[in-house]
Structure formats: structure tokens, C-alpha cells
């Protein structure tokens, strides 16, 4: 048998084998992660080991062939394989797998940040979803400055929302998205307040940062949409009259910060008289005006309420159960409400 014949047979066999390689569908879904910096050979070996393709050498040939594009201008290179997390579906052929890897069609994850979480609580959620060292990252003042926040910390500037991300997105990239969203919302709402849109004549003039601080207090005081602007009016009226805000959530936050913050809550149950007398910078029973920073990360509705309070003259409110409050204009009326709803509440009928 001549050499030419042998070469022809080998080429024919190789062509058939390559054709079979291209036609072989994936038997079942495979979750796959491609790390940054992996060479093509390692990627191909990983695909073969995981059963995504039947031959690493054939996949290398396919990947190199697919990257070459012949045009009138000459030879051009297409996009390469991107690092990330991929879910290869049942029935996909090697060419479809390669298309997925080169177009970056990655698995998308979801991070849910509800309104009212502190920076520490957001850090704990991010840590639970795979980002390491969040406590160190969030405590670094250089990171705060790098993200464009001129404040002691990121507290208040991590906007509550649902964020979609890919596995290789970094914690800093996620924090950047949260900060930019918060800055945009604060500026929009603050400018509308400055322009007098639905603004109360009783409203105290606040800077954007002061508005964010007040919004964080409102967020912690009530979860009822119908109450936010009225709670805001109470605090605006108190600020205008130089009265202390006397907000329990600020006291709780101050106790937390006094022991170094952290991911775990340190204060549970009812506030004590000693807590109310503890002169932390956040204790609005002992300190005048607003606390030095936000006490949580408020949503847009709370920010809107902080800068657009109701026109009422209430100076007090007390919880009446089921998340709602009762309001009062005078101390006498307030004491009666406290007596009714807190000191001697009427038992609910069954």
C-alpha cells in the first residue's frame, strides 16, 4: 500500500472522526466554570473530563478554526473563550458549547438586598453568596473613598435592590453598582425637593447626605408606605424646633457600633434605660440633631419621604401594633397614647 493511499485513509478516518465529534450531543446538563488565565488546552481537557465533548484535541482544533475569519482584508481573529460559569444544556453539540463559551453566555445569579439592612448585614449576605473577606473590605476607608463616597463608611450608600451578577464579578464591582444607584436616587429626589415639588412648608432644608441620614431613620421606624411621610414630618418638626429626635433605632445602631460593628447583632429585645442614657454619637435621646451617618441603607420611598415630609404638625408617634403607629401633636396626647398602646395595652379579642 503506497504512502499516498495510507495518508488518504488516515485523512478519511480523521475526517469521519471529526464529523462524529461535531455531531455528538451532550447527554445531560453540565455546570462548568472556566477560570481566568486558563489556556485553551486546559479548557479542552476540562470539557473532555466533564463529558461535555468527546475529544480535547478535536475541541482545540475546532476552537482555533472558529477564531479564524477570512475576509477581503485578510485573516482576522474572532473572540476567544471567556472566563466564567456556564451551564451547558442537554443536547448541545461541541459547536454550540464553543459558541456559548465565546459569547459569554454565562449563568446569572441574583443578590437581593431589602430596604433597611445595615452595611454589615449586606456584607453578610454577600459573604454567604461567595464573596470572601467582606468585613475587611467594607471596613476599609480607602475603598469607601475609591467608590466616591465622602463619608466615614458606606452606610446608607448601598442601594437596596435586586442585583444580577456572574460568578466572576468581584465584590468591588457589586458595591460600585450599589453606590452609583444610591447616588443617582439621592440626587434625583434631593433636586426635586430643592425645586419645591410637593415640598412641605414645614420641611427643614437638608443636604443630600442629611436627607439620606433621615431616610435611614424613617426606614427603620416604619415599614408602612402610608406612614413614611408622616413620620418624616415628625422629625422635620422636631429638627425645626431644636428638639431631640429620640429615635430608638439610632440608639440600637449606636450600641452596635460601640462594640465594633460586625455581622452579628448585639442588641436584642427591648431597649433598657441604660441604653437610652448611653451617650454614643448615634443616641438621639442624648445628642441633638441628626446622627453622624445613616443607620441603614434606605430605599427610594424612604428617601422620598425624608425630603418630602407631610405638612402636619405632629411631634410624637408610638407603635400601636401590627407595624402601625399613632401620632400626636402634644406631649400630653402622646403620653395618653403610650399609656394606651404600650404601658396598658388592651388584649386582642380572639
Protein backbone atom coordinates (compact mmCIF):
# COMPACT_ATOMS: atom_id res chain seq x y z
CA UNK A 1 0.00 0.00 0.00
CA UNK A 2 1.50 3.31 -1.02
CA UNK A 3 2.16 6.21 1.25
CA UNK A 4 -0.39 8.33 -0.59
CA UNK A 5 -3.06 5.70 -0.03
CA UNK A 6 -2.20 5.43 3.64
CA UNK A 7 -2.32 9.19 4.06
CA UNK A 8 -5.62 9.24 2.27
CA UNK A 9 -7.07 6.61 4.56
CA UNK A 10 -5.78 8.43 7.64
CA UNK A 11 -7.24 11.71 6.41
CA UNK A 12 -10.52 9.99 5.65
CA UNK A 13 -10.63 8.38 9.08
CA UNK A 14 -9.77 11.69 10.75
CA UNK A 15 -12.48 13.45 8.79
CA UNK A 16 -15.07 10.90 9.83
CA UNK A 17 -13.94 11.04 13.45
CA UNK A 18 -14.04 14.84 13.48
CA UNK A 19 -17.51 14.76 11.93
CA UNK A 20 -18.70 12.36 14.66
CA UNK A 21 -17.12 14.65 17.26
CA UNK A 22 -19.09 17.61 15.89
CA UNK A 23 -22.38 15.68 15.87
CA UNK A 24 -22.13 14.19 19.38
CA UNK A 25 -24.77 15.86 21.62
CA UNK A 26 -24.31 16.41 25.34
CA UNK A 27 -26.14 13.67 27.24
CA UNK A 28 -27.10 15.74 30.31
CA UNK A 29 -26.66 19.33 31.56
CA UNK A 30 -23.24 20.25 32.97
CA UNK A 31 -22.38 23.23 35.17
CA UNK A 32 -18.92 24.33 34.18
CA UNK A 33 -16.51 27.01 35.43
CA UNK A 34 -13.71 28.44 33.29
CA UNK A 35 -11.10 30.26 35.37
CA UNK A 36 -9.33 33.42 34.23
CA UNK A 37 -6.00 32.71 32.57
CA UNK A 38 -6.70 29.11 31.60
CA UNK A 39 -5.00 28.16 28.29
CA UNK A 40 -7.05 26.55 25.56
CA UNK A 41 -5.51 23.14 26.25
CA UNK A 42 -6.67 23.16 29.87
CA UNK A 43 -10.15 24.28 28.88
CA UNK A 44 -10.38 21.46 26.33
CA UNK A 45 -9.14 18.89 28.85
CA UNK A 46 -11.72 20.09 31.38
CA UNK A 47 -14.51 19.80 28.82
CA UNK A 48 -13.45 16.26 27.95
CA UNK A 49 -13.13 15.24 31.64
CA UNK A 50 -16.60 16.61 32.39
CA UNK A 51 -18.09 14.80 29.39
CA UNK A 52 -19.04 17.98 27.56
CA UNK A 53 -17.03 16.98 24.49
CA UNK A 54 -15.61 13.61 23.45
CA UNK A 55 -12.13 14.79 22.43
CA UNK A 56 -9.91 17.57 23.79
CA UNK A 57 -7.67 17.66 20.67
CA UNK A 58 -10.66 17.97 18.34
CA UNK A 59 -12.09 20.76 20.50
CA UNK A 60 -8.77 22.64 20.32
CA UNK A 61 -8.85 22.31 16.52
CA UNK A 62 -12.48 23.49 16.43
CA UNK A 63 -11.76 26.47 18.68
CA UNK A 64 -8.78 27.58 16.59
CA UNK A 65 -10.67 27.10 13.34
CA UNK A 66 -13.66 29.10 14.63
CA UNK A 67 -11.47 32.02 15.66
CA UNK A 68 -10.12 32.41 12.12
CA UNK A 69 -12.18 34.59 9.79
CA UNK A 70 -11.20 35.07 6.16
CA UNK A 71 -12.26 38.39 4.70
CA UNK A 72 -11.26 40.70 1.88
CA UNK A 73 -8.91 42.41 4.33
CA UNK A 74 -7.17 39.15 5.12
CA UNK A 75 -7.17 36.87 8.15
CA UNK A 76 -8.97 38.13 11.24
CA UNK A 77 -9.40 36.64 14.71
CA UNK A 78 -12.79 36.23 16.37
CA UNK A 79 -13.46 36.40 20.08
CA UNK A 80 -11.85 33.84 22.38
CA UNK A 81 -13.27 31.80 25.23
CA UNK A 82 -14.31 33.94 28.20
CA UNK A 83 -13.79 33.04 31.84
CA UNK A 84 -16.96 32.45 33.80
CA UNK A 85 -19.59 29.97 34.91
CA UNK A 86 -21.59 28.20 32.23
CA UNK A 87 -24.47 25.75 32.14
CA UNK A 88 -24.15 23.59 29.06
CA UNK A 89 -27.58 22.23 28.18
CA UNK A 90 -28.53 18.68 27.25
CA UNK A 91 -28.32 18.11 23.51
CA UNK A 92 -25.72 20.82 22.83
CA UNK A 93 -23.06 19.90 20.26
CA UNK A 94 -19.40 20.99 20.58
CA UNK A 95 -20.01 23.92 18.24
CA UNK A 96 -22.91 25.17 20.38
CA UNK A 97 -20.79 24.75 23.51
CA UNK A 98 -17.98 26.74 21.90
CA UNK A 99 -20.44 29.47 20.88
CA UNK A 100 -21.67 29.67 24.47
CA UNK A 101 -18.12 29.99 25.80
CA UNK A 102 -17.04 32.64 23.29
CA UNK A 103 -20.15 34.82 23.58
CA UNK A 104 -20.01 34.85 27.40
CA UNK A 105 -23.49 33.38 27.77
CA UNK A 106 -22.89 32.69 31.45
CA UNK A 107 -25.02 31.60 34.39
CA UNK A 108 -26.66 34.64 36.01
CA UNK A 109 -27.06 34.78 39.79
CA UNK A 110 -29.24 37.06 41.90
CA UNK A 111 -28.38 39.09 45.01
CA UNK A 112 -31.41 40.50 46.86
CA UNK A 113 -30.80 43.49 49.15
CA UNK A 114 -34.01 44.50 51.02
CA UNK A 115 -34.57 48.01 52.34
CA UNK A 116 -33.23 48.76 55.80
CA UNK A 117 -30.22 46.45 56.01
CA UNK A 118 -27.01 47.79 57.50
CA UNK A 119 -23.68 47.60 55.69
CA UNK A 120 -22.72 44.72 57.99
CA UNK A 121 -25.88 42.81 57.10
CA UNK A 122 -25.33 43.38 53.38
CA UNK A 123 -21.75 42.19 53.81
CA UNK A 124 -23.02 39.02 55.48
CA UNK A 125 -25.37 38.34 52.54
CA UNK A 126 -22.59 38.85 50.04
CA UNK A 127 -20.26 36.62 52.05
CA UNK A 128 -22.90 33.88 52.08
CA UNK A 129 -23.07 34.06 48.27
CA UNK A 130 -19.36 33.54 47.80
CA UNK A 131 -17.55 36.86 48.17
CA UNK A 132 -14.85 36.44 50.80
CA UNK A 133 -13.44 38.97 53.26
CA UNK A 134 -16.43 41.30 53.15
CA UNK A 135 -15.92 42.54 56.72
CA UNK A 136 -12.38 43.69 55.88
CA UNK A 137 -13.42 45.19 52.55
CA UNK A 138 -16.34 47.17 53.98
CA UNK A 139 -14.24 48.47 56.87
CA UNK A 140 -11.52 49.84 54.57
CA UNK A 141 -11.79 53.67 54.34
CA UNK A 142 -9.77 53.64 51.11
CA UNK A 143 -12.48 51.51 49.47
CA UNK A 144 -15.12 54.00 50.63
CA UNK A 145 -13.18 56.87 49.06
CA UNK A 146 -12.49 54.85 45.89
CA UNK A 147 -16.23 54.36 45.45
CA UNK A 148 -16.76 58.11 45.54
CA UNK A 149 -18.37 58.29 48.99
CA UNK A 150 -17.20 61.25 51.07
CA UNK A 151 -18.27 59.76 54.40
CA UNK A 152 -16.80 57.62 57.20
CA UNK A 153 -18.30 54.44 55.74
CA UNK A 154 -20.59 53.07 53.04
CA UNK A 155 -23.54 53.02 55.44
CA UNK A 156 -26.55 54.41 53.61
CA UNK A 157 -24.93 54.27 50.17
CA UNK A 158 -25.60 50.64 49.24
CA UNK A 159 -28.92 50.90 47.46
CA UNK A 160 -31.49 48.18 48.20
CA UNK A 161 -32.44 46.32 45.04
CA UNK A 162 -32.13 43.00 43.22
CA UNK A 163 -28.75 42.72 41.53
CA UNK A 164 -27.90 40.18 38.84
CA UNK A 165 -24.31 39.08 38.53
CA UNK A 166 -22.00 36.48 37.06
CA UNK A 167 -19.71 34.29 39.11
CA UNK A 168 -16.53 36.20 38.28
CA UNK A 169 -17.98 39.63 39.14
CA UNK A 170 -15.96 40.97 42.06
CA UNK A 171 -17.28 42.30 45.35
CA UNK A 172 -15.93 45.74 44.46
CA UNK A 173 -17.85 45.68 41.17
CA UNK A 174 -21.06 44.84 43.04
CA UNK A 175 -20.50 47.57 45.63
CA UNK A 176 -19.82 50.07 42.85
CA UNK A 177 -23.20 49.29 41.27
CA UNK A 178 -24.98 49.75 44.62
CA UNK A 179 -23.25 53.06 45.37
CA UNK A 180 -23.91 54.51 41.90
CA UNK A 181 -27.59 53.59 42.15
CA UNK A 182 -27.89 55.20 45.58
CA UNK A 183 -26.10 58.38 44.49
CA UNK A 184 -28.39 58.69 41.48
CA UNK A 185 -31.58 58.27 43.54
CA UNK A 186 -30.46 60.67 46.28
CA UNK A 187 -29.56 63.37 43.78
CA UNK A 188 -32.83 62.99 41.85
CA UNK A 189 -35.01 63.19 44.97
CA UNK A 190 -32.96 65.98 46.56
CA UNK A 191 -33.15 68.13 43.42
CA UNK A 192 -36.92 67.66 43.25
CA UNK A 193 -37.18 68.79 46.89
CA UNK A 194 -34.97 71.82 46.21
CA UNK A 195 -37.19 72.79 43.30
CA UNK A 196 -40.19 72.73 45.58
CA UNK A 197 -42.01 69.80 44.02
CA UNK A 198 -44.69 68.81 46.57
CA UNK A 199 -42.47 70.22 49.32
CA UNK A 200 -43.92 70.95 52.78
CA UNK A 201 -43.56 74.48 54.15
CA UNK A 202 -42.53 72.83 57.44
CA UNK A 203 -39.63 70.95 55.85
CA UNK A 204 -36.16 71.67 57.16
CA UNK A 205 -33.58 72.32 54.46
CA UNK A 206 -31.33 69.25 54.30
CA UNK A 207 -28.23 68.42 52.29
CA UNK A 208 -28.31 65.21 50.22
CA UNK A 209 -26.30 63.40 52.91
CA UNK A 210 -28.56 64.70 55.69
CA UNK A 211 -31.56 63.57 53.68
CA UNK A 212 -30.02 60.11 53.41
CA UNK A 213 -29.43 60.01 57.18
CA UNK A 214 -33.04 60.95 57.90
CA UNK A 215 -34.26 58.43 55.31
CA UNK A 216 -32.37 55.66 57.09
CA UNK A 217 -34.12 56.53 60.35
CA UNK A 218 -37.54 56.58 58.67
CA UNK A 219 -36.75 53.21 57.05
CA UNK A 220 -36.10 51.70 60.47
CA UNK A 221 -39.05 53.39 62.19
CA UNK A 222 -41.81 52.19 59.86
CA UNK A 223 -42.33 49.69 57.08
CA UNK A 224 -45.74 51.13 56.21
CA UNK A 225 -45.82 53.14 52.99
CA UNK A 226 -48.77 55.19 54.25
CA UNK A 227 -46.80 56.38 57.30
CA UNK A 228 -43.40 57.33 55.92
CA UNK A 229 -44.13 60.96 55.03
CA UNK A 230 -45.92 61.49 58.37
CA UNK A 231 -43.02 60.00 60.34
CA UNK A 232 -40.75 62.28 58.32
CA UNK A 233 -42.89 65.28 59.29
CA UNK A 234 -42.43 64.43 62.99
CA UNK A 235 -38.65 64.51 62.60
CA UNK A 236 -38.68 67.67 60.47
CA UNK A 237 -40.88 69.40 63.08
CA UNK A 238 -38.53 68.31 65.87
CA UNK A 239 -35.45 69.48 63.97
CA UNK A 240 -37.09 72.83 63.30
CA UNK A 241 -37.97 73.25 67.00
CA UNK A 242 -34.47 72.09 68.12
CA UNK A 243 -35.99 69.07 69.84
CA UNK A 244 -34.05 65.82 70.05
CA UNK A 245 -35.26 63.16 67.65
CA UNK A 246 -35.48 60.41 70.32
CA UNK A 247 -35.43 57.59 67.79
CA UNK A 248 -34.90 54.09 69.22
CA UNK A 249 -33.30 52.66 66.03
CA UNK A 250 -30.49 55.21 66.28
CA UNK A 251 -29.77 54.06 69.83
CA UNK A 252 -29.66 50.42 68.70
CA UNK A 253 -27.24 51.30 65.89
CA UNK A 254 -25.03 53.23 68.30
CA UNK A 255 -24.77 50.24 70.62
CA UNK A 256 -23.80 48.06 67.65
CA UNK A 257 -21.10 50.48 66.54
CA UNK A 258 -19.75 50.87 70.08
CA UNK A 259 -18.68 47.22 70.07
CA UNK A 260 -17.07 47.40 66.65
CA UNK A 261 -19.97 46.67 64.31
CA UNK A 262 -19.64 43.25 62.72
CA UNK A 263 -22.05 40.88 61.02
CA UNK A 264 -23.89 39.63 64.11
CA UNK A 265 -26.48 41.72 66.02
CA UNK A 266 -25.55 42.52 69.60
CA UNK A 267 -28.79 44.04 70.84
CA UNK A 268 -31.94 42.00 71.04
CA UNK A 269 -35.25 42.68 72.73
CA UNK A 270 -36.41 45.93 74.35
CA UNK A 271 -34.12 48.91 74.88
CA UNK A 272 -33.16 49.50 78.51
CA UNK A 273 -32.94 52.84 80.35
CA UNK A 274 -29.18 52.36 80.37
CA UNK A 275 -29.18 52.04 76.58
CA UNK A 276 -31.12 55.29 76.28
CA UNK A 277 -28.59 57.05 78.55
CA UNK A 278 -25.54 55.66 76.76
CA UNK A 279 -24.07 58.79 75.06
CA UNK A 280 -22.96 57.31 71.75
CA UNK A 281 -22.83 59.68 68.75
CA UNK A 282 -25.96 57.91 67.48
CA UNK A 283 -28.07 58.26 70.61
CA UNK A 284 -30.68 60.83 69.58
CA UNK A 285 -32.02 60.87 73.14
CA UNK A 286 -28.77 62.42 74.38
CA UNK A 287 -27.40 64.05 71.19
CA UNK A 288 -29.08 66.92 69.31
CA UNK A 289 -29.85 66.86 65.59
CA UNK A 290 -29.23 64.03 63.19
CA UNK A 291 -26.73 61.22 63.90
CA UNK A 292 -23.37 61.49 62.11
CA UNK A 293 -24.16 58.89 59.43
CA UNK A 294 -27.11 56.84 58.17
CA UNK A 295 -28.04 53.87 60.36
CA UNK A 296 -29.01 51.56 57.48
CA UNK A 297 -29.41 51.57 53.72
CA UNK A 298 -32.81 53.06 52.85
CA UNK A 299 -34.88 52.55 49.74
CA UNK A 300 -36.20 55.23 47.39
CA UNK A 301 -39.56 55.53 49.18
CA UNK A 302 -37.87 56.40 52.48
CA UNK A 303 -35.55 58.89 50.74
CA UNK A 304 -38.58 60.46 49.07
CA UNK A 305 -40.34 60.75 52.44
CA UNK A 306 -37.28 62.25 54.13
CA UNK A 307 -37.09 65.09 51.62
CA UNK A 308 -40.85 65.46 51.06
CA UNK A 309 -42.49 65.28 54.52
CA UNK A 310 -46.19 65.74 55.19
CA UNK A 311 -47.47 69.18 56.20
CA UNK A 312 -48.73 68.05 59.61
CA UNK A 313 -47.62 69.40 62.98
CA UNK A 314 -47.12 66.07 64.77
CA UNK A 315 -44.21 65.88 67.19
CA UNK A 316 -44.63 62.34 68.54
CA UNK A 317 -45.57 58.83 67.48
CA UNK A 318 -45.76 55.47 69.20
CA UNK A 319 -46.23 51.93 67.89
CA UNK A 320 -49.79 50.68 68.16
CA UNK A 321 -49.16 47.18 66.86
CA UNK A 322 -49.02 45.30 63.55
CA UNK A 323 -46.39 47.71 62.21
CA UNK A 324 -48.51 50.87 62.52
CA UNK A 325 -48.15 53.97 64.71
CA UNK A 326 -50.38 56.56 66.33
CA UNK A 327 -49.33 60.22 66.12
CA UNK A 328 -49.70 63.19 68.45
CA UNK A 329 -49.11 66.95 68.38
CA UNK A 330 -48.67 67.42 72.15
CA UNK A 331 -46.77 65.59 74.88
CA UNK A 332 -50.00 65.10 76.85
CA UNK A 333 -51.67 63.42 73.89
CA UNK A 334 -48.55 61.32 73.29
CA UNK A 335 -48.40 60.14 76.91
CA UNK A 336 -52.00 59.05 76.65
CA UNK A 337 -51.16 57.06 73.51
CA UNK A 338 -48.14 55.46 75.19
CA UNK A 339 -50.29 54.52 78.17
CA UNK A 340 -52.92 53.00 75.90
CA UNK A 341 -50.71 51.13 73.45
CA UNK A 342 -47.53 50.43 75.41
CA UNK A 343 -47.99 50.55 79.19
CA UNK A 344 -51.52 49.13 79.42
CA UNK A 345 -52.42 47.67 76.02
CA UNK A 346 -55.91 46.25 75.64
CA UNK A 347 -55.71 42.47 75.00
CA UNK A 348 -56.79 41.50 71.50
CA UNK A 349 -60.04 39.62 71.14
CA UNK A 350 -59.68 36.08 69.86
